[in-house]
Structure formats: structure tokens, C-alpha cells
Amino acid sequence: MAVIVKYVVERNGVEKMTFTSKKEADTYDKMLDVADGLTDLISSSSLDMDDRLTEELSLYLAQNSASLQIILKGGKLKTPEVSKEKTPKSKKVSKSTVEKEAA
């Protein structure tokens, strides 16, 4: 019989997520704390949003807090490069190759 340790993140009596690492569970719990704070902030604003949208937006911002911090500090996010269709590079032709082809 194996013993497995699980860390459960619970909010208001509801199990949100289960982890095998305490560090991951703590990180997720902190993210939920940030989302709760953002929900309160957005709810207290003059924005006309329903509760579901407010919670979704708050959770999204909390999940992307690293990017949000960069933007709030006036930085810009690096945009992922769009993969361009690879075009074959032209080969460099040596002088001797040109002379051989001309002959």
C-alpha cells in the first residue's frame, strides 16, 4: 500500500484544486487571493460588469500577474514572433564555380 500526500486548496468550503507539492498549492492559493482582491477592486469601480465577468477577469489577471506587473510598470510585453514560412536562402557562389559554369 502506497501513501500519497495531497495538498488541497479549498475556498469557502469548496475544493478548488489538488496538488502533490506544497509549493504548487501555496502558489495557487496565493493566485486565488490576488483574484479575490482584484474582484473587490473591480466591483468597487464604476464599470458596469456582471459578477461572472468580474470574477473571470479577476482570475485571468491574477493568472497573468507577471505580465500585468510589467505593463503596470510601463513596460511592454514581448510579442511572440509569428512563424514565417521558411524560404530557402540563396547559396553563395564562389568565383571558381561561376568560371566553370561559363566555360
Protein backbone atom coordinates (compact mmCIF):
# COMPACT_ATOMS: atom_id res chain seq x y z
CA MET A 1 0.00 0.00 0.00
CA ALA A 2 1.39 3.40 -1.02
CA VAL A 3 0.97 6.55 0.98
CA ILE A 4 0.30 9.61 -1.16
CA VAL A 5 0.38 13.11 0.24
CA LYS A 6 -2.03 15.54 -1.42
CA TYR A 7 -2.43 19.25 -0.83
CA VAL A 8 -5.94 20.52 -1.36
CA VAL A 9 -6.71 24.18 -1.96
CA GLU A 10 -10.13 24.95 -0.58
CA ARG A 11 -12.15 28.17 -0.77
CA ASN A 12 -15.37 28.74 1.17
CA GLY A 13 -15.72 25.00 1.75
CA VAL A 14 -15.28 24.17 -1.94
CA GLU A 15 -12.32 22.12 -3.14
CA LYS A 16 -10.65 24.12 -5.91
CA MET A 17 -7.58 22.09 -6.83
CA THR A 18 -5.40 19.24 -5.56
CA PHE A 19 -1.60 19.24 -5.76
CA THR A 20 1.19 16.84 -4.91
CA SER A 21 3.53 19.68 -3.90
CA LYS A 22 3.01 22.14 -1.06
CA LYS A 23 4.79 24.84 -3.07
CA GLU A 24 2.37 24.46 -6.01
CA ALA A 25 -0.61 24.50 -3.66
CA ASP A 26 0.65 27.67 -1.94
CA THR A 27 1.27 29.36 -5.29
CA TYR A 28 -2.25 28.52 -6.48
CA ASP A 29 -3.76 29.70 -3.17
CA LYS A 30 -1.87 32.99 -3.46
CA MET A 31 -3.14 33.43 -7.03
CA LEU A 32 -6.71 32.93 -5.75
CA ASP A 33 -6.07 35.56 -3.04
CA VAL A 34 -4.93 38.01 -5.73
CA ALA A 35 -8.02 37.20 -7.82
CA ASP A 36 -10.26 37.89 -4.80
CA GLY A 37 -8.57 41.25 -4.28
CA LEU A 38 -8.96 42.13 -7.94
CA THR A 39 -12.64 41.12 -7.82
CA ASP A 40 -13.17 43.52 -4.92
CA LEU A 41 -11.32 46.29 -6.76
CA ILE A 42 -13.26 45.85 -10.00
CA SER A 43 -16.58 45.52 -8.15
CA SER A 44 -15.99 48.82 -6.36
CA SER A 45 -15.34 50.61 -9.65
CA SER A 46 -17.90 52.38 -11.82
CA LEU A 47 -17.56 49.66 -14.50
CA ASP A 48 -20.85 48.05 -15.42
CA MET A 49 -20.00 44.34 -15.38
CA ASP A 50 -21.89 41.37 -14.08
CA ASP A 51 -20.42 39.25 -11.27
CA ARG A 52 -19.44 36.34 -13.52
CA LEU A 53 -17.46 38.55 -15.89
CA THR A 54 -15.82 40.37 -12.97
CA GLU A 55 -14.68 37.05 -11.49
CA GLU A 56 -13.42 35.76 -14.84
CA LEU A 57 -11.48 38.95 -15.49
CA SER A 58 -10.02 38.92 -11.99
CA LEU A 59 -8.93 35.31 -12.32
CA TYR A 60 -7.39 35.98 -15.74
CA LEU A 61 -5.43 38.98 -14.45
CA ALA A 62 -4.25 37.01 -11.40
CA GLN A 63 -3.12 34.10 -13.58
CA ASN A 64 -1.15 36.55 -15.73
CA SER A 65 0.17 38.66 -12.88
CA ALA A 66 3.78 38.63 -14.14
CA SER A 67 2.74 40.17 -17.46
CA LEU A 68 0.37 42.56 -15.69
CA GLN A 69 3.19 43.80 -13.44
CA ILE A 70 5.39 44.51 -16.45
CA ILE A 71 2.60 46.53 -18.09
CA LEU A 72 1.77 48.44 -14.89
CA LYS A 73 5.42 49.42 -14.57
CA GLY A 74 5.26 50.94 -18.04
CA GLY A 75 6.98 48.08 -19.82
CA LYS A 76 5.93 46.31 -22.96
CA LEU A 77 5.36 42.63 -23.38
CA LYS A 78 7.40 40.76 -25.90
CA THR A 79 5.10 39.63 -28.65
CA PRO A 80 5.66 36.12 -29.86
CA GLU A 81 7.14 36.11 -33.34
CA VAL A 82 4.80 34.89 -35.99
CA SER A 83 6.38 31.90 -37.62
CA LYS A 84 7.23 32.88 -41.14
CA GLU A 85 7.29 30.34 -43.90
CA LYS A 86 10.90 29.43 -44.34
CA THR A 87 12.30 30.50 -47.66
CA PRO A 88 15.43 28.81 -48.89
CA LYS A 89 18.47 31.01 -48.61
CA SER A 90 20.38 31.64 -51.77
CA LYS A 91 23.69 29.88 -51.94
CA LYS A 92 26.82 31.90 -52.22
CA VAL A 93 28.51 31.09 -55.45
CA SER A 94 32.26 31.17 -55.50
CA LYS A 95 34.18 32.80 -58.33
CA SER A 96 35.59 29.48 -59.48
CA THR A 97 32.10 27.95 -59.75
CA VAL A 98 30.96 30.82 -61.96
CA GLU A 99 34.04 30.41 -64.17
CA LYS A 100 33.45 26.65 -64.52
CA GLU A 101 29.77 27.16 -65.49
CA ALA A 102 30.71 29.84 -68.05
CA ALA A 103 33.22 27.56 -69.75
